[in-house]
Amino acid sequence: MTEKWICIACKFTLGFIEDKKVIRIKRKDLYVETEGGKVTEICPRCGKPNTLTDEKYIEKGGEKYGL
């Protein structure tokens, strides 16, 4: 299942989330791969930071311990 990642301020499409595991962001010179944790992207249209957080990462204390 694929869902859109939309800017919280201007509703610009930032990327796509596939099966709640893979985040695809299409930009000319940008490639990001992450496993667990947080991903923040600045909207290219309005400049607002947008963050996706993996809830399992937070539950395991990853944010607190930098894992």
N, C-alpha and C. Protein backbone atom coordinates (compact mmCIF):
# COMPACT_ATOMS: atom_id res chain seq x y z
N MET A 1 0.84 -1.18 0.00
CA MET A 1 0.00 0.00 0.00
C MET A 1 0.89 1.25 0.00
N THR A 2 0.60 2.19 -0.84
CA THR A 2 1.38 3.42 -0.96
C THR A 2 0.51 4.61 -0.57
N GLU A 3 1.07 5.49 0.27
CA GLU A 3 0.35 6.70 0.64
C GLU A 3 1.27 7.90 0.40
N LYS A 4 0.69 9.05 0.16
CA LYS A 4 1.46 10.27 -0.09
C LYS A 4 1.93 10.88 1.22
N TRP A 5 3.12 11.46 1.17
CA TRP A 5 3.64 12.27 2.28
C TRP A 5 3.43 13.72 1.84
N ILE A 6 2.52 14.41 2.51
CA ILE A 6 2.08 15.75 2.13
C ILE A 6 2.62 16.78 3.12
N CYS A 7 3.05 17.94 2.61
CA CYS A 7 3.49 19.04 3.47
C CYS A 7 2.34 19.49 4.37
N ILE A 8 2.64 19.69 5.65
CA ILE A 8 1.60 20.08 6.59
C ILE A 8 1.13 21.52 6.39
N ALA A 9 1.94 22.33 5.72
CA ALA A 9 1.58 23.74 5.54
C ALA A 9 0.91 24.02 4.19
N CYS A 10 1.53 23.55 3.09
CA CYS A 10 1.03 23.94 1.77
C CYS A 10 0.46 22.78 0.96
N LYS A 11 0.47 21.57 1.51
CA LYS A 11 -0.10 20.38 0.87
C LYS A 11 0.66 19.90 -0.37
N PHE A 12 1.92 20.32 -0.53
CA PHE A 12 2.78 19.86 -1.62
C PHE A 12 3.15 18.40 -1.36
N THR A 13 3.23 17.57 -2.39
CA THR A 13 3.61 16.17 -2.22
C THR A 13 5.13 16.09 -2.03
N LEU A 14 5.55 15.63 -0.85
CA LEU A 14 6.97 15.51 -0.52
C LEU A 14 7.54 14.18 -0.98
N GLY A 15 6.72 13.15 -0.98
CA GLY A 15 7.18 11.82 -1.35
C GLY A 15 6.07 10.81 -1.15
N PHE A 16 6.47 9.53 -1.14
CA PHE A 16 5.51 8.44 -0.98
C PHE A 16 6.03 7.46 0.05
N ILE A 17 5.11 6.90 0.84
CA ILE A 17 5.44 5.92 1.85
C ILE A 17 4.85 4.59 1.38
N GLU A 18 5.72 3.58 1.23
CA GLU A 18 5.28 2.27 0.75
C GLU A 18 5.33 1.26 1.88
N ASP A 19 4.21 0.63 2.14
CA ASP A 19 4.09 -0.43 3.15
C ASP A 19 4.61 0.00 4.52
N LYS A 20 4.55 1.29 4.82
CA LYS A 20 5.00 1.87 6.09
C LYS A 20 6.45 1.53 6.40
N LYS A 21 7.25 1.21 5.35
CA LYS A 21 8.65 0.87 5.54
C LYS A 21 9.58 1.69 4.66
N VAL A 22 9.17 1.98 3.45
CA VAL A 22 10.03 2.64 2.47
C VAL A 22 9.47 4.02 2.17
N ILE A 23 10.33 5.02 2.23
CA ILE A 23 9.94 6.39 1.89
C ILE A 23 10.65 6.76 0.60
N ARG A 24 9.89 7.13 -0.41
CA ARG A 24 10.47 7.54 -1.69
C ARG A 24 10.31 9.05 -1.84
N ILE A 25 11.43 9.72 -2.07
CA ILE A 25 11.44 11.16 -2.28
C ILE A 25 12.09 11.41 -3.63
N LYS A 26 11.39 12.05 -4.52
CA LYS A 26 11.94 12.30 -5.85
C LYS A 26 12.36 13.75 -5.98
N ARG A 27 13.64 13.99 -6.00
CA ARG A 27 14.22 15.29 -6.23
C ARG A 27 15.46 15.09 -7.10
N LYS A 28 15.93 16.11 -7.75
CA LYS A 28 17.07 15.98 -8.66
C LYS A 28 18.32 15.40 -7.99
N ASP A 29 18.77 16.01 -6.90
CA ASP A 29 20.04 15.61 -6.29
C ASP A 29 19.86 15.09 -4.87
N LEU A 30 18.79 14.36 -4.61
CA LEU A 30 18.53 13.90 -3.25
C LEU A 30 18.21 12.42 -3.24
N TYR A 31 18.91 11.70 -2.39
CA TYR A 31 18.59 10.30 -2.13
C TYR A 31 18.75 10.10 -0.64
N VAL A 32 17.70 9.62 0.01
CA VAL A 32 17.72 9.40 1.45
C VAL A 32 17.24 7.99 1.73
N GLU A 33 17.98 7.27 2.57
CA GLU A 33 17.54 5.95 3.01
C GLU A 33 17.70 5.91 4.52
N THR A 34 16.65 5.50 5.20
CA THR A 34 16.72 5.42 6.65
C THR A 34 16.00 4.16 7.12
N GLU A 35 16.41 3.66 8.25
CA GLU A 35 15.78 2.48 8.82
C GLU A 35 15.47 2.78 10.28
N GLY A 36 14.20 3.04 10.56
CA GLY A 36 13.81 3.39 11.92
C GLY A 36 14.19 4.82 12.26
N GLY A 37 13.45 5.41 13.16
CA GLY A 37 13.79 6.75 13.59
C GLY A 37 12.93 7.82 12.98
N LYS A 38 13.57 8.93 12.62
CA LYS A 38 12.86 10.08 12.09
C LYS A 38 13.47 10.51 10.77
N VAL A 39 12.62 11.02 9.90
CA VAL A 39 13.05 11.62 8.65
C VAL A 39 12.40 13.00 8.58
N THR A 40 13.20 14.02 8.35
CA THR A 40 12.68 15.38 8.20
C THR A 40 13.07 15.89 6.83
N GLU A 41 12.09 16.43 6.12
CA GLU A 41 12.35 17.03 4.82
C GLU A 41 11.79 18.45 4.85
N ILE A 42 12.54 19.38 4.31
CA ILE A 42 12.06 20.74 4.19
C ILE A 42 11.31 20.85 2.88
N CYS A 43 10.10 21.34 2.92
CA CYS A 43 9.26 21.46 1.73
C CYS A 43 9.93 22.40 0.73
N PRO A 44 10.11 21.93 -0.51
CA PRO A 44 10.74 22.79 -1.51
C PRO A 44 9.85 23.96 -1.93
N ARG A 45 8.56 23.88 -1.67
CA ARG A 45 7.65 24.96 -2.07
C ARG A 45 7.57 26.06 -1.01
N CYS A 46 7.33 25.68 0.27
CA CYS A 46 7.09 26.70 1.30
C CYS A 46 8.19 26.80 2.36
N GLY A 47 9.11 25.83 2.42
CA GLY A 47 10.22 25.88 3.37
C GLY A 47 9.90 25.34 4.75
N LYS A 48 8.70 24.81 4.96
CA LYS A 48 8.31 24.26 6.27
C LYS A 48 8.93 22.88 6.47
N PRO A 49 9.56 22.61 7.63
CA PRO A 49 10.08 21.28 7.91
C PRO A 49 8.93 20.30 8.19
N ASN A 50 9.02 19.10 7.63
CA ASN A 50 8.01 18.05 7.82
C ASN A 50 8.74 16.80 8.31
N THR A 51 8.23 16.18 9.36
CA THR A 51 8.90 15.04 9.97
C THR A 51 7.99 13.82 10.00
N LEU A 52 8.57 12.67 9.62
CA LEU A 52 7.92 11.38 9.78
C LEU A 52 8.66 10.66 10.90
N THR A 53 7.94 10.02 11.82
CA THR A 53 8.55 9.33 12.94
C THR A 53 8.08 7.89 12.98
N ASP A 54 9.01 6.97 13.17
CA ASP A 54 8.70 5.55 13.33
C ASP A 54 8.34 5.33 14.80
N GLU A 55 7.06 5.05 15.07
CA GLU A 55 6.59 4.90 16.46
C GLU A 55 7.31 3.76 17.19
N LYS A 56 7.66 2.69 16.50
CA LYS A 56 8.37 1.57 17.14
C LYS A 56 9.73 2.03 17.64
N TYR A 57 10.37 2.91 16.91
CA TYR A 57 11.66 3.47 17.29
C TYR A 57 11.54 4.25 18.59
N ILE A 58 10.51 5.05 18.72
CA ILE A 58 10.28 5.84 19.93
C ILE A 58 9.99 4.91 21.11
N GLU A 59 9.15 3.88 20.90
CA GLU A 59 8.79 2.95 21.97
C GLU A 59 10.00 2.23 22.52
N LYS A 60 10.98 1.93 21.67
CA LYS A 60 12.18 1.20 22.11
C LYS A 60 13.22 2.12 22.72
N GLY A 61 12.97 3.42 22.75
CA GLY A 61 13.89 4.35 23.36
C GLY A 61 15.01 4.81 22.44
N GLY A 62 14.88 4.58 21.16
CA GLY A 62 15.91 4.96 20.20
C GLY A 62 16.20 6.44 20.18
N GLU A 63 15.17 7.25 20.33
CA GLU A 63 15.36 8.69 20.30
C GLU A 63 16.17 9.14 21.52
N LYS A 64 15.87 8.56 22.66
CA LYS A 64 16.55 8.94 23.89
C LYS A 64 18.02 8.55 23.87
N TYR A 65 18.32 7.37 23.31
CA TYR A 65 19.68 6.85 23.36
C TYR A 65 20.45 7.01 22.05
N GLY A 66 19.83 7.62 21.05
CA GLY A 66 20.53 7.84 19.79
C GLY A 66 20.73 6.59 18.98
N LEU A 67 19.88 5.60 19.14
CA LEU A 67 20.01 4.34 18.40
C LEU A 67 19.40 4.44 17.03
